[in-house]
PDB file of all heavy atoms in Angstrom:
ATOM      1  N   SER A   1      -2.202  -9.285  -1.380  1.00  0.00           N
ATOM      2  CA  SER A   1      -2.137  -8.011  -0.584  1.00  0.00           C
ATOM      3  C   SER A   1      -0.872  -7.230  -0.954  1.00  0.00           C
ATOM      4  O   SER A   1       0.012  -7.743  -1.485  1.00  0.00           O
ATOM      5  CB  SER A   1      -2.136  -8.307   0.894  1.00  0.00           C
ATOM      6  OG  SER A   1      -3.274  -9.047   1.264  1.00  0.00           O
ATOM      7  N   LEU A   2      -0.911  -5.982  -0.597  1.00  0.00           N
ATOM      8  CA  LEU A   2       0.187  -5.106  -0.899  1.00  0.00           C
ATOM      9  C   LEU A   2       1.160  -5.012   0.281  1.00  0.00           C
ATOM     10  O   LEU A   2       0.749  -4.970   1.407  1.00  0.00           O
ATOM     11  CB  LEU A   2      -0.381  -3.667  -1.196  1.00  0.00           C
ATOM     12  CG  LEU A   2       0.598  -2.561  -1.417  1.00  0.00           C
ATOM     13  CD1 LEU A   2       1.432  -2.774  -2.681  1.00  0.00           C
ATOM     14  CD2 LEU A   2      -0.107  -1.219  -1.503  1.00  0.00           C
ATOM     15  N   ARG A   3       2.419  -4.980  -0.052  1.00  0.00           N
ATOM     16  CA  ARG A   3       3.490  -4.846   0.964  1.00  0.00           C
ATOM     17  C   ARG A   3       4.150  -3.532   0.671  1.00  0.00           C
ATOM     18  O   ARG A   3       4.740  -3.305  -0.341  1.00  0.00           O
ATOM     19  CB  ARG A   3       4.499  -5.978   0.893  1.00  0.00           C
ATOM     20  CG  ARG A   3       5.573  -5.913   1.955  1.00  0.00           C
ATOM     21  CD  ARG A   3       6.569  -7.074   1.805  1.00  0.00           C
ATOM     22  NE  ARG A   3       7.291  -6.982   0.554  1.00  0.00           N
ATOM     23  CZ  ARG A   3       7.104  -7.881  -0.499  1.00  0.00           C
ATOM     24  NH1 ARG A   3       6.242  -8.803  -0.455  1.00  0.00           N
ATOM     25  NH2 ARG A   3       7.835  -7.714  -1.590  1.00  0.00           N
ATOM     26  N   LEU A   4       4.021  -2.601   1.647  1.00  0.00           N
ATOM     27  CA  LEU A   4       4.615  -1.218   1.477  1.00  0.00           C
ATOM     28  C   LEU A   4       5.991  -1.211   2.113  1.00  0.00           C
ATOM     29  O   LEU A   4       6.161  -1.701   3.254  1.00  0.00           O
ATOM     30  CB  LEU A   4       3.726  -0.187   2.120  1.00  0.00           C
ATOM     31  CG  LEU A   4       2.494   0.256   1.360  1.00  0.00           C
ATOM     32  CD1 LEU A   4       1.756   1.349   2.141  1.00  0.00           C
ATOM     33  CD2 LEU A   4       2.842   0.745  -0.057  1.00  0.00           C
ATOM     34  N   GLU A   5       6.902  -0.572   1.448  1.00  0.00           N
ATOM     35  CA  GLU A   5       8.229  -0.234   2.002  1.00  0.00           C
ATOM     36  C   GLU A   5       8.155   1.229   2.491  1.00  0.00           C
ATOM     37  O   GLU A   5       7.328   1.978   2.028  1.00  0.00           O
ATOM     38  CB  GLU A   5       9.302  -0.397   0.953  1.00  0.00           C
ATOM     39  CG  GLU A   5       9.462  -1.809   0.385  1.00  0.00           C
ATOM     40  CD  GLU A   5       9.860  -2.809   1.476  1.00  0.00           C
ATOM     41  OE1 GLU A   5      10.599  -2.476   2.401  1.00  0.00           O
ATOM     42  OE2 GLU A   5       9.462  -3.996   1.412  1.00  0.00           O
ATOM     43  N   ILE A   6       9.080   1.576   3.327  1.00  0.00           N
ATOM     44  CA  ILE A   6       9.036   2.910   3.967  1.00  0.00           C
ATOM     45  C   ILE A   6       9.243   4.001   2.862  1.00  0.00           C
ATOM     46  O   ILE A   6       8.742   5.128   3.047  1.00  0.00           O
ATOM     47  CB  ILE A   6      10.117   3.019   5.047  1.00  0.00           C
ATOM     48  CG1 ILE A   6       9.906   4.275   5.901  1.00  0.00           C
ATOM     49  CG2 ILE A   6      11.519   3.058   4.480  1.00  0.00           C
ATOM     50  CD1 ILE A   6       8.621   4.278   6.628  1.00  0.00           C
ATOM     51  N   THR A   7       9.860   3.674   1.745  1.00  0.00           N
ATOM     52  CA  THR A   7      10.122   4.709   0.726  1.00  0.00           C
ATOM     53  C   THR A   7       9.032   4.757  -0.315  1.00  0.00           C
ATOM     54  O   THR A   7       9.066   5.585  -1.195  1.00  0.00           O
ATOM     55  CB  THR A   7      11.471   4.343   0.007  1.00  0.00           C
ATOM     56  OG1 THR A   7      11.410   3.053  -0.455  1.00  0.00           O
ATOM     57  CG2 THR A   7      12.626   4.558   0.940  1.00  0.00           C
ATOM     58  N   ASP A   8       8.031   3.855  -0.273  1.00  0.00           N
ATOM     59  CA  ASP A   8       6.906   3.796  -1.277  1.00  0.00           C
ATOM     60  C   ASP A   8       5.998   5.076  -1.055  1.00  0.00           C
ATOM     61  O   ASP A   8       5.710   5.431   0.030  1.00  0.00           O
ATOM     62  CB  ASP A   8       6.100   2.547  -1.076  1.00  0.00           C
ATOM     63  CG  ASP A   8       6.831   1.312  -1.585  1.00  0.00           C
ATOM     64  OD1 ASP A   8       7.780   1.498  -2.382  1.00  0.00           O
ATOM     65  OD2 ASP A   8       6.475   0.190  -1.164  1.00  0.00           O
ATOM     66  N   GLN A   9       5.606   5.558  -2.163  1.00  0.00           N
ATOM     67  CA  GLN A   9       4.679   6.710  -2.168  1.00  0.00           C
ATOM     68  C   GLN A   9       3.266   6.184  -2.338  1.00  0.00           C
ATOM     69  O   GLN A   9       2.838   5.604  -3.366  1.00  0.00           O
ATOM     70  CB  GLN A   9       4.976   7.647  -3.296  1.00  0.00           C
ATOM     71  CG  GLN A   9       6.347   8.320  -3.149  1.00  0.00           C
ATOM     72  CD  GLN A   9       6.655   9.250  -4.360  1.00  0.00           C
ATOM     73  OE1 GLN A   9       5.942   9.316  -5.261  1.00  0.00           O
ATOM     74  NE2 GLN A   9       7.773   9.960  -4.280  1.00  0.00           N
ATOM     75  N   ILE A  10       2.394   6.398  -1.303  1.00  0.00           N
ATOM     76  CA  ILE A  10       1.065   5.898  -1.302  1.00  0.00           C
ATOM     77  C   ILE A  10       0.220   6.446  -2.405  1.00  0.00           C
ATOM     78  O   ILE A  10      -0.633   5.761  -2.944  1.00  0.00           O
ATOM     79  CB  ILE A  10       0.420   6.191   0.064  1.00  0.00           C
ATOM     80  CG1 ILE A  10       1.255   5.492   1.182  1.00  0.00           C
ATOM     81  CG2 ILE A  10      -1.014   5.743   0.120  1.00  0.00           C
ATOM     82  CD1 ILE A  10       0.829   5.913   2.596  1.00  0.00           C
ATOM     83  N   LYS A  11       0.475   7.698  -2.795  1.00  0.00           N
ATOM     84  CA  LYS A  11      -0.315   8.292  -3.866  1.00  0.00           C
ATOM     85  C   LYS A  11      -0.250   7.500  -5.174  1.00  0.00           C
ATOM     86  O   LYS A  11      -1.148   7.575  -5.991  1.00  0.00           O
ATOM     87  CB  LYS A  11       0.109   9.730  -4.109  1.00  0.00           C
ATOM     88  CG  LYS A  11       1.498   9.925  -4.704  1.00  0.00           C
ATOM     89  CD  LYS A  11       1.714  11.403  -4.874  1.00  0.00           C
ATOM     90  CE  LYS A  11       3.170  11.606  -5.366  1.00  0.00           C
ATOM     91  NZ  LYS A  11       3.481  13.050  -5.443  1.00  0.00           N
ATOM     92  N   ARG A  12       0.787   6.653  -5.360  1.00  0.00           N
ATOM     93  CA  ARG A  12       0.880   5.801  -6.583  1.00  0.00           C
ATOM     94  C   ARG A  12      -0.258   4.760  -6.669  1.00  0.00           C
ATOM     95  O   ARG A  12      -0.537   4.307  -7.767  1.00  0.00           O
ATOM     96  CB  ARG A  12       2.252   5.147  -6.596  1.00  0.00           C
ATOM     97  CG  ARG A  12       3.416   6.110  -6.823  1.00  0.00           C
ATOM     98  CD  ARG A  12       4.721   5.397  -6.841  1.00  0.00           C
ATOM     99  NE  ARG A  12       4.825   4.508  -7.967  1.00  0.00           N
ATOM    100  CZ  ARG A  12       5.745   3.483  -7.979  1.00  0.00           C
ATOM    101  NH1 ARG A  12       6.563   3.309  -6.982  1.00  0.00           N
ATOM    102  NH2 ARG A  12       5.761   2.676  -9.042  1.00  0.00           N
ATOM    103  N   ILE A  13      -0.821   4.454  -5.472  1.00  0.00           N
ATOM    104  CA  ILE A  13      -1.899   3.459  -5.462  1.00  0.00           C
ATOM    105  C   ILE A  13      -3.227   4.017  -4.979  1.00  0.00           C
ATOM    106  O   ILE A  13      -4.098   3.295  -4.574  1.00  0.00           O
ATOM    107  CB  ILE A  13      -1.478   2.195  -4.607  1.00  0.00           C
ATOM    108  CG1 ILE A  13      -0.996   2.693  -3.278  1.00  0.00           C
ATOM    109  CG2 ILE A  13      -0.570   1.289  -5.379  1.00  0.00           C
ATOM    110  CD1 ILE A  13      -1.424   1.814  -2.188  1.00  0.00           C
ATOM    111  N   ALA A  14      -3.352   5.291  -4.981  1.00  0.00           N
ATOM    112  CA  ALA A  14      -4.538   5.933  -4.384  1.00  0.00           C
ATOM    113  C   ALA A  14      -5.818   5.426  -5.008  1.00  0.00           C
ATOM    114  O   ALA A  14      -6.812   5.234  -4.303  1.00  0.00           O
ATOM    115  CB  ALA A  14      -4.428   7.479  -4.558  1.00  0.00           C
ATOM    116  N   ASP A  15      -5.810   5.176  -6.301  1.00  0.00           N
ATOM    117  CA  ASP A  15      -6.988   4.724  -6.941  1.00  0.00           C
ATOM    118  C   ASP A  15      -7.366   3.267  -6.610  1.00  0.00           C
ATOM    119  O   ASP A  15      -8.491   2.817  -6.753  1.00  0.00           O
ATOM    120  CB  ASP A  15      -6.948   4.840  -8.499  1.00  0.00           C
ATOM    121  CG  ASP A  15      -6.867   6.281  -8.900  1.00  0.00           C
ATOM    122  OD1 ASP A  15      -7.324   7.185  -8.128  1.00  0.00           O
ATOM    123  OD2 ASP A  15      -6.323   6.581  -9.980  1.00  0.00           O
ATOM    124  N   ASP A  16      -6.373   2.479  -6.164  1.00  0.00           N
ATOM    125  CA  ASP A  16      -6.545   1.052  -5.831  1.00  0.00           C
ATOM    126  C   ASP A  16      -6.881   0.803  -4.348  1.00  0.00           C
ATOM    127  O   ASP A  16      -7.217  -0.327  -4.028  1.00  0.00           O
ATOM    128  CB  ASP A  16      -5.306   0.275  -6.202  1.00  0.00           C
ATOM    129  CG  ASP A  16      -5.044   0.132  -7.719  1.00  0.00           C
ATOM    130  OD1 ASP A  16      -5.998   0.444  -8.453  1.00  0.00           O
ATOM    131  OD2 ASP A  16      -3.961  -0.247  -8.099  1.00  0.00           O
ATOM    132  N   LEU A  17      -6.664   1.786  -3.491  1.00  0.00           N
ATOM    133  CA  LEU A  17      -6.786   1.531  -2.094  1.00  0.00           C
ATOM    134  C   LEU A  17      -8.115   0.893  -1.620  1.00  0.00           C
ATOM    135  O   LEU A  17      -8.101   0.018  -0.793  1.00  0.00           O
ATOM    136  CB  LEU A  17      -6.581   2.843  -1.269  1.00  0.00           C
ATOM    137  CG  LEU A  17      -5.158   3.289  -1.131  1.00  0.00           C
ATOM    138  CD1 LEU A  17      -5.074   4.619  -0.465  1.00  0.00           C
ATOM    139  CD2 LEU A  17      -4.304   2.293  -0.365  1.00  0.00           C
ATOM    140  N   HIS A  18      -9.192   1.283  -2.273  1.00  0.00           N
ATOM    141  CA  HIS A  18     -10.501   0.688  -1.865  1.00  0.00           C
ATOM    142  C   HIS A  18     -10.593  -0.828  -2.192  1.00  0.00           C
ATOM    143  O   HIS A  18     -11.409  -1.488  -1.563  1.00  0.00           O
ATOM    144  CB  HIS A  18     -11.653   1.470  -2.570  1.00  0.00           C
ATOM    145  CG  HIS A  18     -11.630   1.270  -4.044  1.00  0.00           C
ATOM    146  ND1 HIS A  18     -10.823   1.954  -4.894  1.00  0.00           N
ATOM    147  CD2 HIS A  18     -12.349   0.337  -4.862  1.00  0.00           C
ATOM    148  CE1 HIS A  18     -11.008   1.597  -6.109  1.00  0.00           C
ATOM    149  NE2 HIS A  18     -11.943   0.578  -6.102  1.00  0.00           N
ATOM    150  N   SER A  19      -9.761  -1.301  -3.114  1.00  0.00           N
ATOM    151  CA  SER A  19      -9.841  -2.708  -3.479  1.00  0.00           C
ATOM    152  C   SER A  19      -8.748  -3.579  -2.809  1.00  0.00           C
ATOM    153  O   SER A  19      -8.692  -4.777  -3.108  1.00  0.00           O
ATOM    154  CB  SER A  19      -9.759  -2.880  -5.014  1.00  0.00           C
ATOM    155  OG  SER A  19      -8.469  -2.397  -5.450  1.00  0.00           O
ATOM    156  N   ILE A  20      -7.863  -2.976  -1.989  1.00  0.00           N
ATOM    157  CA  ILE A  20      -6.839  -3.743  -1.355  1.00  0.00           C
ATOM    158  C   ILE A  20      -7.288  -4.164   0.050  1.00  0.00           C
ATOM    159  O   ILE A  20      -7.540  -3.351   0.869  1.00  0.00           O
ATOM    160  CB  ILE A  20      -5.570  -2.901  -1.256  1.00  0.00           C
ATOM    161  CG1 ILE A  20      -5.121  -2.430  -2.661  1.00  0.00           C
ATOM    162  CG2 ILE A  20      -4.460  -3.707  -0.596  1.00  0.00           C
ATOM    163  CD1 ILE A  20      -3.956  -1.436  -2.630  1.00  0.00           C
ATOM    164  N   PRO A  21      -7.432  -5.525   0.226  1.00  0.00           N
ATOM    165  CA  PRO A  21      -7.956  -5.918   1.548  1.00  0.00           C
ATOM    166  C   PRO A  21      -6.995  -5.819   2.683  1.00  0.00           C
ATOM    167  O   PRO A  21      -7.391  -5.629   3.855  1.00  0.00           O
ATOM    168  CB  PRO A  21      -8.309  -7.444   1.265  1.00  0.00           C
ATOM    169  CG  PRO A  21      -7.412  -7.830   0.169  1.00  0.00           C
ATOM    170  CD  PRO A  21      -7.179  -6.593  -0.670  1.00  0.00           C
ATOM    171  N   LEU A  22      -5.681  -5.860   2.406  1.00  0.00           N
ATOM    172  CA  LEU A  22      -4.702  -5.857   3.468  1.00  0.00           C
ATOM    173  C   LEU A  22      -3.416  -5.187   2.902  1.00  0.00           C
ATOM    174  O   LEU A  22      -3.001  -5.446   1.787  1.00  0.00           O
ATOM    175  CB  LEU A  22      -4.330  -7.268   3.915  1.00  0.00           C
ATOM    176  CG  LEU A  22      -3.305  -7.403   5.057  1.00  0.00           C
ATOM    177  CD1 LEU A  22      -3.781  -8.568   5.977  1.00  0.00           C
ATOM    178  CD2 LEU A  22      -1.959  -7.662   4.477  1.00  0.00           C
ATOM    179  N   ILE A  23      -2.872  -4.330   3.726  1.00  0.00           N
ATOM    180  CA  ILE A  23      -1.577  -3.731   3.384  1.00  0.00           C
ATOM    181  C   ILE A  23      -0.595  -4.149   4.512  1.00  0.00           C
ATOM    182  O   ILE A  23      -0.830  -3.848   5.725  1.00  0.00           O
ATOM    183  CB  ILE A  23      -1.648  -2.190   3.243  1.00  0.00           C
ATOM    184  CG1 ILE A  23      -2.518  -1.864   2.076  1.00  0.00           C
ATOM    185  CG2 ILE A  23      -0.286  -1.572   3.146  1.00  0.00           C
ATOM    186  CD1 ILE A  23      -2.734  -0.331   1.884  1.00  0.00           C
ATOM    187  N   ALA A  24       0.483  -4.768   4.149  1.00  0.00           N
ATOM    188  CA  ALA A  24       1.529  -5.195   5.109  1.00  0.00           C
ATOM    189  C   ALA A  24       2.622  -4.170   5.122  1.00  0.00           C
ATOM    190  O   ALA A  24       3.058  -3.707   4.094  1.00  0.00           O
ATOM    191  CB  ALA A  24       2.093  -6.575   4.688  1.00  0.00           C
ATOM    192  N   VAL A  25       3.038  -3.823   6.368  1.00  0.00           N
ATOM    193  CA  VAL A  25       4.097  -2.778   6.518  1.00  0.00           C
ATOM    194  C   VAL A  25       5.184  -3.419   7.402  1.00  0.00           C
ATOM    195  O   VAL A  25       4.930  -3.989   8.460  1.00  0.00           O
ATOM    196  CB  VAL A  25       3.473  -1.584   7.202  1.00  0.00           C
ATOM    197  CG1 VAL A  25       4.509  -0.492   7.355  1.00  0.00           C
ATOM    198  CG2 VAL A  25       2.281  -1.043   6.406  1.00  0.00           C
ATOM    199  N   ASP A  26       6.414  -3.219   6.975  1.00  0.00           N
ATOM    200  CA  ASP A  26       7.590  -3.704   7.699  1.00  0.00           C
ATOM    201  C   ASP A  26       7.966  -2.789   8.850  1.00  0.00           C
ATOM    202  O   ASP A  26       8.277  -1.598   8.585  1.00  0.00           O
ATOM    203  CB  ASP A  26       8.733  -3.898   6.726  1.00  0.00           C
ATOM    204  CG  ASP A  26       9.912  -4.636   7.357  1.00  0.00           C
ATOM    205  OD1 ASP A  26       9.898  -4.874   8.577  1.00  0.00           O
ATOM    206  OD2 ASP A  26      10.894  -4.890   6.600  1.00  0.00           O
ATOM    207  N   PHE A  27       7.896  -3.280  10.067  1.00  0.00           N
ATOM    208  CA  PHE A  27       8.198  -2.456  11.230  1.00  0.00           C
ATOM    209  C   PHE A  27       9.626  -2.728  11.773  1.00  0.00           C
ATOM    210  O   PHE A  27       9.876  -2.438  12.928  1.00  0.00           O
ATOM    211  CB  PHE A  27       7.178  -2.669  12.332  1.00  0.00           C
ATOM    212  CG  PHE A  27       6.095  -1.671  12.365  1.00  0.00           C
ATOM    213  CD1 PHE A  27       5.072  -1.703  11.349  1.00  0.00           C
ATOM    214  CD2 PHE A  27       6.034  -0.645  13.270  1.00  0.00           C
ATOM    215  CE1 PHE A  27       4.039  -0.792  11.380  1.00  0.00           C
ATOM    216  CE2 PHE A  27       5.007   0.307  13.244  1.00  0.00           C
ATOM    217  CZ  PHE A  27       4.041   0.242  12.283  1.00  0.00           C
TER     218      PHE A  27
END
């Protein structure tokens, strides 16, 4: 799964989003 940081730009993975089962976000 993908782990996003607050500074990550989501558009960099826009084409992969449909294939990522889980995105972990640090709160």
